[in-house]
Structure formats: C-alpha cells, structure tokens
Protein backbone atom coordinates (compact mmCIF):
# COMPACT_ATOMS: atom_id res chain seq x y z
CA MET A 1 -21.26 77.99 -124.69
CA THR A 2 -23.86 75.04 -124.35
CA VAL A 3 -23.78 71.24 -124.28
CA GLU A 4 -26.44 69.86 -125.17
CA ILE A 5 -27.85 66.55 -124.43
CA PRO A 6 -30.03 64.28 -126.79
CA ALA A 7 -33.69 63.96 -125.50
CA GLY A 8 -33.29 60.23 -125.82
CA ARG A 9 -30.60 60.10 -123.24
CA ARG A 10 -31.90 62.42 -120.40
CA PRO A 11 -33.28 60.20 -118.27
CA LEU A 12 -29.89 58.03 -117.71
CA VAL A 13 -27.83 61.13 -117.68
CA ALA A 14 -29.93 62.90 -114.91
CA THR A 15 -29.83 59.91 -113.11
CA LEU A 16 -26.03 59.57 -113.20
CA ALA A 17 -25.73 63.01 -111.90
CA VAL A 18 -28.00 62.43 -109.28
CA LEU A 19 -26.41 59.18 -108.09
CA ALA A 20 -22.57 60.50 -108.75
CA SER A 21 -23.81 62.87 -105.55
CA ALA A 22 -24.01 60.11 -103.43
CA PRO A 23 -20.33 59.94 -102.41
CA VAL A 24 -19.88 63.68 -102.50
CA ALA A 25 -23.15 63.37 -99.84
CA TRP A 26 -21.23 60.92 -97.87
CA LEU A 27 -17.92 62.60 -97.56
CA PHE A 28 -19.51 65.69 -96.38
CA LEU A 29 -21.70 64.03 -93.50
CA ARG A 30 -18.72 61.79 -92.60
CA ALA A 31 -16.72 64.70 -92.17
CA GLU A 32 -15.90 65.66 -89.10
CA SER A 33 -13.55 68.60 -88.72
CA GLU A 34 -14.73 72.11 -89.91
CA LEU A 35 -11.87 72.26 -92.23
CA ALA A 36 -12.69 69.07 -94.45
CA VAL A 37 -15.80 70.35 -94.07
CA GLY A 38 -14.91 73.63 -95.87
CA ALA A 39 -12.74 71.96 -97.51
CA ILE A 40 -15.60 69.62 -99.47
CA LEU A 41 -17.86 73.02 -99.70
CA ALA A 42 -15.00 74.85 -101.77
CA ALA A 43 -14.85 71.73 -103.80
CA VAL A 44 -17.98 71.51 -104.84
CA VAL A 45 -18.29 75.05 -105.07
CA ALA A 46 -15.29 74.95 -107.70
CA ALA A 47 -17.25 72.30 -109.64
CA ALA A 48 -20.48 74.17 -109.67
CA ALA A 49 -19.04 77.19 -111.14
CA VAL A 50 -16.96 75.53 -113.53
CA ALA A 51 -19.53 73.40 -114.82
CA GLY A 52 -21.72 76.73 -115.13
CA ARG A 53 -18.95 77.87 -116.70
CA PHE A 54 -18.62 75.87 -120.07
CA GLY A 55 -22.42 75.13 -119.53
CA LEU A 56 -23.13 71.96 -118.34
CA LEU A 57 -24.58 72.84 -114.90
CA GLY A 58 -27.77 74.37 -117.02
CA SER A 59 -27.61 71.17 -118.99
CA LEU A 60 -27.93 68.60 -116.12
CA ALA A 61 -29.92 70.81 -114.64
CA ARG A 62 -32.67 71.02 -117.35
CA ALA A 63 -31.98 67.32 -118.10
CA ALA A 64 -32.76 66.54 -114.14
CA VAL A 65 -36.23 68.78 -114.43
CA GLU A 66 -37.32 67.75 -117.30
CA SER A 67 -37.05 63.50 -116.58
CA GLU A 68 -38.56 63.72 -113.25
CA ARG A 69 -39.58 60.34 -112.61
CA ALA A 70 -35.90 59.19 -113.12
CA THR A 71 -34.63 62.15 -110.75
CA SER A 72 -37.00 61.68 -108.07
CA LEU A 73 -36.58 57.98 -107.86
CA ALA A 74 -32.27 58.42 -108.01
CA LEU A 75 -32.42 60.75 -105.27
CA ALA A 76 -34.80 58.50 -103.52
CA GLY A 77 -31.68 55.90 -104.24
CA VAL A 78 -29.67 58.29 -102.73
CA VAL A 79 -31.34 58.75 -99.52
CA VAL A 80 -32.07 55.25 -98.77
CA ILE A 81 -27.65 54.21 -100.21
CA LEU A 82 -26.68 57.19 -97.34
CA VAL A 83 -29.20 55.44 -94.60
CA ALA A 84 -27.88 52.01 -95.38
CA VAL A 85 -24.15 52.94 -95.34
CA PHE A 86 -24.99 55.31 -91.74
CA HIS A 87 -27.04 52.61 -90.41
CA ASP A 88 -25.12 53.20 -86.77
CA ASP A 89 -24.85 56.52 -86.74
CA HIS A 90 -27.38 58.41 -84.37
CA PHE A 91 -26.16 62.00 -84.95
CA VAL A 92 -26.35 61.35 -89.26
CA LEU A 93 -29.07 59.53 -89.81
CA LEU A 94 -31.10 62.06 -87.42
CA LEU A 95 -29.67 64.96 -89.80
CA LEU A 96 -31.04 63.27 -92.60
CA ALA A 97 -34.63 62.59 -90.93
CA LYS A 98 -34.72 66.32 -89.98
CA VAL A 99 -33.74 66.98 -93.71
CA LEU A 100 -36.66 64.93 -94.97
CA LEU A 101 -39.23 66.10 -92.66
CA ALA A 102 -38.31 69.88 -93.02
CA ALA A 103 -38.70 69.82 -96.79
CA VAL A 104 -42.09 68.00 -96.08
CA ALA A 105 -43.29 71.01 -94.10
CA CYS A 106 -41.73 73.60 -96.66
CA LEU A 107 -43.69 71.80 -99.56
CA GLY A 108 -46.82 73.16 -97.29
CA LEU A 109 -45.34 76.35 -97.37
CA HIS A 110 -44.91 76.17 -101.13
CA VAL A 111 -47.77 74.72 -102.00
CA GLN A 112 -49.32 78.21 -100.28
CA PHE A 113 -46.49 80.77 -100.64
CA GLY A 114 -45.50 79.22 -104.43
CA GLN A 115 -48.72 78.06 -105.62
CA ALA A 116 -51.64 80.31 -104.62
CA GLY A 117 -49.76 83.25 -103.10
CA VAL A 118 -51.12 82.57 -99.64
CA VAL A 119 -48.85 84.39 -97.02
CA ASN A 120 -47.88 82.03 -93.88
CA PHE A 121 -45.11 83.09 -91.62
CA ALA A 122 -46.48 80.93 -88.89
CA GLY A 123 -44.89 77.53 -90.49
CA ALA A 124 -43.46 76.25 -87.08
CA ALA A 125 -46.81 76.72 -85.23
CA PHE A 126 -48.19 74.75 -87.04
CA PHE A 127 -45.69 72.03 -87.20
CA GLY A 128 -46.47 72.72 -83.37
CA VAL A 129 -49.89 72.00 -83.72
CA GLY A 130 -48.76 68.50 -85.39
CA GLY A 131 -46.83 67.72 -83.09
CA TYR A 132 -48.68 68.21 -80.02
CA ALA A 133 -51.51 66.27 -81.57
CA ALA A 134 -49.18 63.61 -82.03
CA ALA A 135 -47.92 63.86 -78.03
CA VAL A 136 -51.64 64.01 -76.92
CA LEU A 137 -53.16 60.89 -79.04
CA ALA A 138 -50.15 58.73 -78.98
CA ALA A 139 -50.14 58.77 -75.06
CA HIS A 140 -53.88 56.39 -75.19
CA PRO A 141 -52.66 52.83 -76.73
CA GLY A 142 -55.38 52.08 -78.26
CA ILE A 143 -54.75 54.59 -81.41
CA PRO A 144 -53.17 53.10 -84.33
CA HIS A 145 -50.44 56.04 -84.80
CA LEU A 146 -51.03 55.81 -88.88
CA PHE A 147 -53.93 57.86 -87.33
CA VAL A 148 -52.02 60.25 -84.93
CA LEU A 149 -49.93 61.39 -88.12
CA LEU A 150 -53.32 62.25 -89.87
CA ALA A 151 -54.72 63.62 -87.14
CA GLY A 152 -51.69 65.56 -86.76
CA GLY A 153 -52.34 66.97 -90.18
CA MET A 154 -55.54 67.13 -89.67
CA ALA A 155 -55.17 68.98 -86.17
CA ALA A 156 -53.05 71.62 -88.02
CA ALA A 157 -55.38 72.24 -91.02
CA LEU A 158 -58.33 72.73 -88.59
CA VAL A 159 -56.68 74.96 -86.33
CA GLY A 160 -55.61 77.29 -89.44
CA SER A 161 -59.05 77.79 -90.46
CA VAL A 162 -59.19 80.25 -87.72
CA LEU A 163 -57.22 82.05 -89.96
CA LEU A 164 -59.24 82.03 -92.87
CA LEU A 165 -61.55 84.65 -92.59
CA PRO A 166 -58.92 87.40 -91.79
CA LEU A 167 -56.36 86.51 -94.32
CA LEU A 168 -59.18 86.70 -96.97
CA ARG A 169 -59.57 89.78 -96.49
CA THR A 170 -56.18 91.14 -96.16
CA ARG A 171 -53.30 91.04 -98.73
CA GLY A 172 -49.42 91.10 -98.43
CA HIS A 173 -47.78 92.71 -95.76
CA TYR A 174 -51.45 92.52 -93.47
CA ALA A 175 -51.49 89.35 -93.97
CA ALA A 176 -48.52 88.14 -93.06
CA LEU A 177 -48.83 89.78 -90.12
CA ILE A 178 -51.90 87.89 -89.15
CA THR A 179 -50.00 84.50 -89.39
CA ILE A 180 -47.02 86.11 -87.28
CA ALA A 181 -49.36 87.23 -84.83
CA PHE A 182 -50.90 84.10 -84.91
CA GLY A 183 -47.16 82.07 -84.03
CA LEU A 184 -46.55 84.26 -81.19
CA LEU A 185 -49.93 83.15 -79.63
CA PHE A 186 -49.86 79.41 -80.07
CA ARG A 187 -46.40 79.94 -78.40
CA THR A 188 -48.08 81.72 -75.84
CA PHE A 189 -51.14 79.72 -75.42
CA ILE A 190 -48.93 75.83 -74.99
CA GLU A 191 -46.52 78.20 -72.50
CA VAL A 192 -49.69 79.09 -70.18
CA ASN A 193 -51.36 75.65 -70.58
CA ASP A 194 -50.35 73.17 -68.35
CA ALA A 195 -52.69 70.51 -69.72
CA LEU A 196 -50.21 70.65 -72.48
CA GLY A 197 -47.40 70.73 -69.87
CA GLY A 198 -46.96 74.46 -70.07
CA PRO A 199 -43.15 75.86 -70.70
CA GLN A 200 -41.45 72.07 -69.99
CA GLY A 201 -43.20 70.20 -72.55
CA LEU A 202 -44.16 66.76 -73.20
CA ARG A 203 -43.07 63.39 -73.45
CA VAL A 204 -44.52 61.95 -77.01
CA GLU A 205 -44.36 58.00 -77.36
CA GLY A 206 -42.49 56.53 -80.21
CA LEU A 207 -44.04 55.78 -83.49
CA ARG A 208 -45.46 52.01 -83.87
CA LEU A 209 -46.41 50.85 -86.95
CA LEU A 210 -47.32 47.43 -88.04
CA GLY A 211 -46.33 45.60 -84.75
CA TRP A 212 -42.69 47.46 -85.67
CA ARG A 213 -41.63 49.51 -82.68
CA PHE A 214 -39.53 52.57 -84.01
CA ASN A 215 -37.78 53.29 -81.33
CA ASP A 216 -36.26 49.73 -80.80
CA ASN A 217 -32.53 49.14 -82.12
CA HIS A 218 -32.91 46.09 -84.28
CA SER A 219 -29.75 43.75 -85.65
CA LEU A 220 -29.31 42.28 -88.39
CA GLY A 221 -26.39 39.10 -88.36
CA ASP A 222 -23.70 41.09 -86.78
CA ALA A 223 -24.88 44.45 -87.84
CA GLU A 224 -26.27 46.89 -85.08
CA PHE A 225 -28.98 49.70 -86.64
CA SER A 226 -29.89 52.91 -85.12
CA PHE A 227 -34.13 53.10 -84.45
CA TYR A 228 -33.30 56.50 -86.71
CA VAL A 229 -32.81 54.03 -89.42
CA GLY A 230 -37.15 53.76 -89.27
CA TYR A 231 -37.21 57.04 -88.54
CA ALA A 232 -35.45 57.98 -91.47
CA LEU A 233 -36.94 55.78 -93.99
CA ALA A 234 -40.39 57.13 -92.37
CA ALA A 235 -39.54 60.39 -93.50
CA LEU A 236 -38.37 59.35 -96.77
CA ALA A 237 -41.63 57.80 -97.42
CA LEU A 238 -43.81 60.91 -96.12
CA LEU A 239 -41.79 62.84 -98.32
CA ALA A 240 -42.40 60.78 -101.65
CA VAL A 241 -46.06 60.84 -101.17
CA ALA A 242 -46.23 64.58 -100.05
CA PHE A 243 -43.89 65.30 -103.32
CA ALA A 244 -46.12 63.42 -105.52
CA VAL A 245 -49.07 64.93 -104.62
CA VAL A 246 -47.68 68.50 -105.01
CA ARG A 247 -46.38 67.71 -108.27
CA ARG A 248 -50.02 66.18 -109.51
CA LEU A 249 -51.61 69.32 -107.87
CA GLU A 250 -49.15 71.54 -110.13
CA THR A 251 -50.00 69.71 -113.34
CA SER A 252 -53.96 69.84 -112.95
CA TRP A 253 -56.46 72.15 -113.84
CA VAL A 254 -56.02 73.05 -109.89
CA GLY A 255 -52.46 74.13 -110.63
CA LEU A 256 -53.49 75.99 -113.04
CA ALA A 257 -56.21 77.86 -110.99
CA LEU A 258 -53.66 78.42 -108.80
CA ASP A 259 -51.39 80.05 -110.79
CA ALA A 260 -53.87 82.38 -112.07
CA VAL A 261 -54.98 83.23 -108.58
CA ARG A 262 -50.93 84.10 -107.40
CA LEU A 263 -50.64 86.34 -110.29
CA ASP A 264 -53.66 88.13 -110.42
CA GLU A 265 -56.31 87.97 -108.34
CA THR A 266 -58.85 90.82 -109.61
CA ALA A 267 -58.17 89.24 -113.14
CA ALA A 268 -58.66 85.31 -112.24
CA GLY A 269 -62.04 87.02 -110.84
CA CYS A 270 -63.23 88.44 -113.70
CA PHE A 271 -62.85 85.37 -115.78
CA GLY A 272 -65.02 82.93 -112.49
CA ILE A 273 -61.85 81.32 -110.53
CA ALA A 274 -63.41 81.47 -107.07
CA VAL A 275 -60.30 83.19 -105.71
CA PRO A 276 -61.59 82.47 -101.72
CA ARG A 277 -61.97 78.87 -102.64
CA TRP A 278 -58.73 78.05 -103.78
CA LYS A 279 -57.40 80.13 -101.57
CA ILE A 280 -58.68 78.06 -98.74
CA ALA A 281 -57.80 74.87 -100.47
CA ALA A 282 -53.87 75.93 -100.57
CA PHE A 283 -53.86 77.19 -96.52
CA THR A 284 -55.62 73.97 -95.58
CA LEU A 285 -53.80 71.30 -97.62
CA GLY A 286 -50.23 73.35 -96.63
CA ASN A 287 -51.27 73.17 -93.15
CA PHE A 288 -51.90 69.76 -93.30
CA LEU A 289 -48.76 68.81 -95.05
CA THR A 290 -46.91 71.00 -92.15
CA GLY A 291 -48.95 69.44 -89.37
CA VAL A 292 -48.11 65.77 -90.34
CA ALA A 293 -44.29 66.62 -90.31
CA GLY A 294 -44.53 67.57 -87.14
CA ALA A 295 -46.06 64.89 -85.74
CA LEU A 296 -43.40 62.14 -87.30
CA SER A 297 -40.92 64.59 -86.39
CA ALA A 298 -42.14 64.75 -82.45
CA MET A 299 -43.06 60.68 -82.36
CA MET A 300 -39.26 60.93 -83.66
CA THR A 301 -37.37 62.98 -80.90
CA GLY A 302 -39.76 62.10 -78.49
CA PHE A 303 -40.46 65.60 -76.88
CA ILE A 304 -41.61 68.41 -77.81
CA ALA A 305 -41.01 71.77 -75.95
CA PRO A 306 -42.76 75.72 -76.74
CA ASN A 307 -39.37 76.76 -77.35
CA ASN A 308 -39.12 74.33 -80.67
CA PHE A 309 -41.97 76.25 -82.22
CA THR A 310 -40.78 79.55 -82.40
CA PHE A 311 -41.18 82.46 -84.69
CA ARG A 312 -37.67 82.01 -85.43
CA GLU A 313 -38.20 78.74 -86.82
CA SER A 314 -40.76 79.61 -89.21
CA LEU A 315 -38.60 82.09 -90.31
CA VAL A 316 -35.97 79.32 -90.91
CA PHE A 317 -38.80 77.69 -93.02
CA VAL A 318 -39.81 80.84 -95.38
CA SER A 319 -35.76 80.89 -95.71
CA ILE A 320 -36.16 77.85 -97.53
CA VAL A 321 -39.00 78.45 -99.48
CA LEU A 322 -37.22 81.84 -100.78
CA LEU A 323 -33.75 80.22 -100.97
CA GLY A 324 -34.97 77.29 -103.03
CA GLY A 325 -37.00 79.59 -105.31
CA LEU A 326 -40.31 80.61 -104.55
CA GLY A 327 -42.58 78.15 -106.73
CA ASN A 328 -39.75 75.45 -106.96
CA VAL A 329 -40.25 72.40 -105.57
CA TRP A 330 -36.49 71.13 -106.79
CA GLY A 331 -34.69 74.16 -105.56
CA LEU A 332 -36.31 73.59 -102.03
CA THR A 333 -34.89 70.54 -101.68
CA LEU A 334 -31.84 71.80 -101.96
CA ALA A 335 -32.10 74.65 -99.83
CA THR A 336 -33.46 72.21 -97.07
CA PHE A 337 -30.30 70.13 -97.01
CA ILE A 338 -28.18 73.54 -97.37
CA VAL A 339 -30.44 74.99 -94.28
CA VAL A 340 -30.44 71.96 -91.97
CA VAL A 341 -27.15 70.02 -92.58
CA LEU A 342 -24.67 73.62 -92.48
CA PRO A 343 -25.09 74.92 -89.36
CA GLU A 344 -24.58 71.13 -87.72
CA LYS A 345 -21.32 70.33 -89.44
CA LEU A 346 -20.17 74.32 -89.40
CA GLN A 347 -20.50 74.65 -85.70
CA VAL A 348 -18.59 77.90 -85.94
CA ILE A 349 -21.52 79.41 -87.86
CA GLN A 350 -24.12 77.66 -85.28
CA GLU A 351 -24.91 80.47 -83.16
CA TYR A 352 -24.56 83.00 -86.10
CA ARG A 353 -26.95 80.92 -88.41
CA TYR A 354 -30.11 83.32 -88.20
CA LEU A 355 -28.25 85.75 -89.49
CA LEU A 356 -25.96 84.37 -91.88
CA PHE A 357 -29.92 82.99 -93.32
CA ALA A 358 -31.58 86.63 -93.34
CA ALA A 359 -27.90 87.87 -94.95
CA LEU A 360 -28.19 85.33 -97.60
CA VAL A 361 -31.53 85.43 -98.20
CA ILE A 362 -31.61 89.58 -98.28
CA ALA A 363 -28.41 88.27 -101.03
CA VAL A 364 -30.74 85.98 -102.87
CA LEU A 365 -33.84 88.44 -103.34
CA ILE A 366 -31.21 91.35 -104.45
CA TYR A 367 -29.14 89.47 -107.00
CA ARG A 368 -31.17 85.99 -108.29
CA PRO A 369 -35.12 87.07 -106.56
CA GLY A 370 -35.89 83.48 -108.54
CA GLY A 371 -33.54 81.35 -106.02
CA LEU A 372 -31.27 79.10 -106.71
CA VAL A 373 -33.77 77.57 -108.96
CA PRO A 374 -35.66 80.20 -110.50
CA ARG A 375 -39.47 79.12 -111.60
CA ALA A 376 -40.35 78.77 -115.07
CA LEU A 377 -43.75 79.95 -117.08
CA ARG A 378 -46.21 77.55 -117.09
CA ARG A 379 -45.86 76.96 -121.32
CA SER A 380 -49.51 74.81 -121.33
CA PHE A 381 -51.68 73.54 -119.32
CA GLY A 382 -51.21 69.97 -117.77
CA ALA A 383 -47.84 71.19 -117.49
CA ALA A 384 -46.32 72.57 -114.15
CA PRO A 385 -43.37 75.01 -113.92
CA ARG A 386 -40.74 72.98 -114.63
CA GLY A 387 -37.88 74.34 -116.47
CA LEU A 388 -34.90 76.58 -114.83
CA GLY A 389 -36.16 80.51 -115.53
CA GLU A 390 -33.51 82.86 -117.14
CA GLY A 391 -34.68 85.56 -114.42
CA GLY A 392 -36.58 86.17 -111.69
CA ALA A 393 -39.73 83.69 -110.16
CA ALA A 394 -42.89 84.20 -112.31
C-alpha cells in the first residue's frame, strides 16, 4: 500500500514533515533520564514502522528528496529553532554544533567514498590537520579568523597530496591500508612534536569574526545566551555552504565523471575520462571540507590533543557514511545525528559505543547494504542520485 502525494503539494508536505520533527527533537534533547530517552526512541521507531507499513514513510521521504530546496530550508529552520529554544543550555548547543561539524566532515568523505570511490580511513587525521593549523595560525592576532578556517582546509588538502601518488597506484583494501597508516603516522607525529604541544596538546584561540568574539556570552534584554550559540550558527552556515557545493557538484558534469570513475575505472578510462584527475579532485575537495570542519571544531572546544584524532574517530566518520547510505547526503545527515547524539543521551552505551557502531554497520551491510537511505541510480545528465533506491547503493 502506497500513499501518493500530488506533485504540486510535495514541497509543502516535505516542509511540514520536517518542521514536525522539531518538537520530537526538542523532547529528545531536553530529556535527561535514560528512561525518557528510551521511551522517545521507542515511540519514534514505532511511528516509523506504522508509517512504513502503510506506505506513508516512503512517500514522505520521496517528497522530501524531490523537494530538496524546501527540505533544506526547513531543516535549517529546525536547527535555528532548536538553537533559539536552548539558547542558554551549553551542553545541548555544543552537541548540536558537534553534529553539524561532523556532518561537514562526513560530506568530505561522501565526496571521496560516495562520488569517486576513493577510500579514506584517515578522516580524523585530516580533521586534526585542520584543527592544528587553526591552533597555530589563530595564535597570531593579525591573521583574520576567516582566513584561519580556510587555511585549515587548505592545510588538510595540502597534507593529503602526500598520499595522492600511492592512492593512485593502488585500489580497494590496499588504498585503505595507506590511509590507515597515514592516520597512525599523523598521531605519532603530533605526539612527539613539542612545537605542536606534544601529547599535552595545544590551546586554541576562540573564533572572532567581524568584531564578534564567539567565546563571550551575550545577552538580549533579560535573556542570557550561551557562547555556543554563535558556534552552532557558524557550524550551520558552514554545513549549508558545504551541502550546496556538494549537491551542485553532483548535478554537474563533474558529478557525472565522478560517478563513472566510481562505478568502473576501466570503462571510464576507455571513454576518455581522466581517472587520476578526478580522483585527485575528489580527494582534495573532501580533505578541504574535513579540514575546515576540524578548524572550526578546534576553535570551538579551545583545546586539541592527539587523543582527539585516533583511528577510532576515523571509524566513526566511516560508520556515519556507511550507515546513512553510501553516496546519499540525506542519509548521512540522519546518521550523523544518531551516531553523535545517541551515546551522549544514553550514557549506559557510552563505554560500548564503538562496539555498537561496529555491530550496527555490520547489520546494515548485511541486511540493508544501501544504508538507511539507499542511493538511487542517476537517471539523466544534470540530475544527481536523488530518490530512494530499491536495493543497495548504486
């Protein structure tokens, strides 16, 4: 049984469906007891199961994906509403900002994994490169902090260029081993480098833009605002820009070339597509996005250390991409919220979160290889893979 939504009403229905998630998110973030969090999760799962049984869930999902602009604006509106509601709650705002920045970093992996098929198991290392670049540059008062953020991305892209030659000469698990080795070498390098703080880490200056010091608390009348409000809004702006760039890339002829490289390198080369060139472009852009997210994250937390950028953290990024659906940005956004927020709200699983993530990814790969929101085939030039696939990822 399927509920068909008229084409003319899909943007409105998608907007209303997304806005309806705001009260649920508010209840979830506001809940303090694990029993309340569990009850909310059970209610959401039950509602999704009922909606799926009657075909409503699939229709809403298709309407949301097909009305991308309306859905994007509604999601941004939901985040702004949550920031306004929790304007004085440091923990919730920090959690929201971490979700948004993790989504930006995973968009970088999405470009590499999902679009070009370039394996990268060193996401946390490139996140750390951006953070350490921000720590070093922000210590100089004369450098604009907007440039510091961009420099974090450029540093990650530049460091990633060291891996380009071995990555281009290998495929599959061999390429994965190269990125794993790089992640381990990066952590070892910053641990033994006293100029970068060694194992004790570095203090990072807070963000300053247009005279606004993000680390200062602000007030409006009698209302006090947490300093994390500014960081959450900055992370939202960064995610909006990254999302727009990635989606624009997917719908262009560049996305078509990356799709060809991902699906079959040999066939792509036979049709005149410069496979190395597009792999380099995807790897560089992905690392740039991850580095910018790492720079803003470091300035938000005010401190970075080697333990923040372990191989386990890289696996969390990879888990988000696989769980959301390889090559699908909408599933990635949902998976980021689940992976980042759930362990913080359910402390009982905090110590076992890596084990649970691994088990969840294995279950997804076995029973739903396309992820929570499978990627659909590209149907025409100028159209990115938009809809919900029937089976696994294309």
